[in-house]
Protein backbone atom coordinates (compact mmCIF):
# COMPACT_ATOMS: atom_id res chain seq x y z
CA MET A 1 0.00 0.00 0.00
CA GLN A 2 1.36 3.41 -0.97
CA PRO A 3 1.47 6.14 1.69
CA THR A 4 -1.57 8.35 1.74
CA ILE A 5 -0.26 11.90 1.59
CA LEU A 6 -2.62 14.46 3.04
CA TYR A 7 -1.76 18.13 2.87
CA ALA A 8 -3.99 20.60 4.64
CA GLY A 9 -4.88 24.06 3.37
CA THR A 10 -2.63 27.04 2.96
CA THR A 11 -2.13 27.88 6.63
CA THR A 12 0.83 26.32 8.35
CA PRO A 13 -0.21 24.48 11.50
CA SER A 14 2.21 24.26 14.38
CA LEU A 15 2.76 20.52 14.33
CA ARG A 16 3.05 18.05 11.46
CA VAL A 17 1.70 14.58 12.27
CA LEU A 18 2.54 11.21 10.74
CA LEU A 19 0.02 8.45 11.43
CA VAL A 20 1.47 4.93 11.34
CA GLU A 21 -1.46 2.52 11.62
CA ASP A 22 -2.72 -0.54 9.71
CA SER A 23 -6.41 -0.46 10.68
CA GLN A 24 -8.40 1.45 8.05
CA VAL A 25 -11.23 2.11 10.53
CA LEU A 26 -8.82 3.63 13.03
CA ILE A 27 -7.06 5.62 10.30
CA GLU A 28 -10.39 7.21 9.39
CA ARG A 29 -11.27 7.99 13.02
CA LEU A 30 -7.82 9.41 13.79
CA THR A 31 -7.72 11.43 10.58
CA GLU A 32 -10.99 13.09 11.55
CA ALA A 33 -9.79 13.75 15.12
CA ILE A 34 -6.51 15.29 13.92
CA HIS A 35 -8.27 17.49 11.35
CA ASP A 36 -10.51 18.78 14.14
CA MET A 37 -7.47 20.09 16.04
CA ALA A 38 -6.39 23.53 14.80
CA ASP A 39 -2.70 23.18 15.64
CA LEU A 40 -2.14 19.89 13.80
CA GLU A 41 -1.60 18.92 10.17
CA LEU A 42 -1.82 15.26 9.20
CA ILE A 43 0.86 15.00 6.54
CA CYS A 44 0.69 11.29 5.84
CA THR A 45 -0.71 7.91 6.85
CA VAL A 46 1.28 4.73 6.32
CA ASP A 47 0.85 1.13 7.44
CA THR A 48 4.40 -0.31 7.31
CA GLU A 49 7.66 0.25 9.15
CA ALA A 50 9.60 0.98 5.94
CA ALA A 51 7.07 3.55 4.72
CA ALA A 52 7.09 5.32 8.10
CA VAL A 53 10.89 5.56 8.14
CA ALA A 54 10.91 6.83 4.54
CA VAL A 55 8.41 9.60 5.34
CA VAL A 56 10.36 10.74 8.41
CA GLU A 57 13.59 10.85 6.39
CA ARG A 58 12.09 13.08 3.67
CA GLU A 59 9.44 15.19 5.49
CA PRO A 60 9.62 17.33 8.61
CA VAL A 61 7.55 15.43 11.19
CA ASP A 62 6.84 16.75 14.68
CA VAL A 63 4.59 13.99 16.03
CA ILE A 64 4.23 10.32 15.14
CA ILE A 65 1.13 8.43 16.24
CA LEU A 66 2.50 4.90 16.11
CA ASP A 67 0.93 1.47 16.29
CA LEU A 68 3.32 -1.28 17.41
CA HIS A 69 2.02 -4.06 15.15
CA LEU A 70 1.96 -3.00 11.51
CA ARG A 71 1.11 -4.63 8.19
CA GLN A 72 4.87 -5.10 7.70
CA GLY A 73 7.38 -4.45 10.46
CA THR A 74 6.74 -2.92 13.86
CA GLY A 75 6.53 0.38 15.64
CA PHE A 76 9.62 -0.70 17.56
CA GLY A 77 11.49 -0.87 14.25
CA VAL A 78 10.39 2.68 13.44
CA MET A 79 11.61 3.92 16.83
CA ARG A 80 14.93 2.03 16.47
CA ALA A 81 15.47 3.63 13.05
CA LEU A 82 14.85 7.09 14.56
CA THR A 83 17.42 6.54 17.32
CA ALA A 84 20.08 6.29 14.59
CA THR A 85 19.19 9.79 13.31
CA GLN A 86 19.17 13.33 14.64
CA LEU A 87 15.39 13.43 14.14
CA LYS A 88 13.43 13.63 17.38
CA PRO A 89 9.69 13.76 16.71
CA ARG A 90 7.35 13.23 19.65
CA ILE A 91 6.14 9.62 19.54
CA VAL A 92 2.69 8.66 20.79
CA VAL A 93 2.37 4.88 20.83
CA LEU A 94 -1.26 3.81 20.34
CA THR A 95 -1.56 0.03 20.59
CA ASN A 96 -3.77 -2.91 21.52
CA TYR A 97 -0.77 -4.47 23.28
CA ASP A 98 -0.57 -2.65 26.60
CA LEU A 99 2.06 -4.97 28.09
CA PRO A 100 4.51 -3.62 30.69
CA GLU A 101 7.50 -4.91 28.69
CA TYR A 102 6.22 -3.17 25.54
CA GLN A 103 5.70 0.04 27.48
CA SER A 104 9.24 -0.08 28.92
CA ALA A 105 10.75 -0.84 25.54
CA ALA A 106 8.79 1.96 23.85
CA PHE A 107 9.90 4.56 26.40
CA ALA A 108 13.50 3.32 26.16
CA LEU A 109 13.33 3.88 22.39
CA GLY A 110 12.02 7.43 22.73
CA ALA A 111 8.24 7.23 22.99
CA THR A 112 6.81 10.20 24.86
CA HIS A 113 3.37 8.64 25.46
CA PHE A 114 2.02 5.09 25.51
CA LEU A 115 -1.73 4.65 25.07
CA ASP A 116 -3.87 1.53 24.98
CA LYS A 117 -6.34 1.69 22.06
CA ALA A 118 -9.20 0.22 24.09
CA ARG A 119 -8.67 2.06 27.36
CA ASP A 120 -6.91 5.32 26.40
CA TYR A 121 -8.17 6.18 22.90
CA SER A 122 -10.35 9.00 24.25
CA ARG A 123 -7.24 10.57 25.83
CA LEU A 124 -5.48 11.02 22.47
CA PRO A 125 -6.83 14.56 21.77
CA GLU A 126 -5.73 15.61 25.27
CA VAL A 127 -2.25 14.17 24.69
CA LEU A 128 -1.96 15.90 21.31
CA HIS A 129 -3.13 19.18 22.85
CA GLU A 130 -0.48 18.81 25.57
CA ILE A 131 2.20 18.22 22.91
CA CYS A 132 1.03 21.35 21.05
CA GLU A 133 1.20 23.43 24.22
CA THR A 134 4.69 22.17 25.01
CA HIS A 135 5.76 22.96 21.44
CA HIS A 136 4.31 26.50 21.67
CA SER A 137 6.07 27.22 24.97
CA LYS A 138 9.44 26.28 23.41
CA HIS A 139 8.96 28.51 20.35
């Protein structure tokens, strides 16, 4: 599957978001939620590790919403690839696998948030708002 590139209008939002998810239903729900937030621009959705890494290498990305289990590869692979670069986007892991060992590994690899899809999905807008506020206070 080719990456779905989504460019918003002519205004430049504060934060550029990459969505790495393999569930089409969740992609649609998250796309709508991100578009509803004024300070975010969804630049791309992808469903594989390789596609996510390729986007981050060619596009400025501020936030990655990252599933751990992808169509090909894993969110852990994406985070490992980022540790080898100077790129430091905020990483929000959104997964069905809320295991303590996954959480520890994700934070060790640079995740800033770890959310369970079933339990924490409704917190995602709050987390993204918090990231936006932190970004604004630094700039």
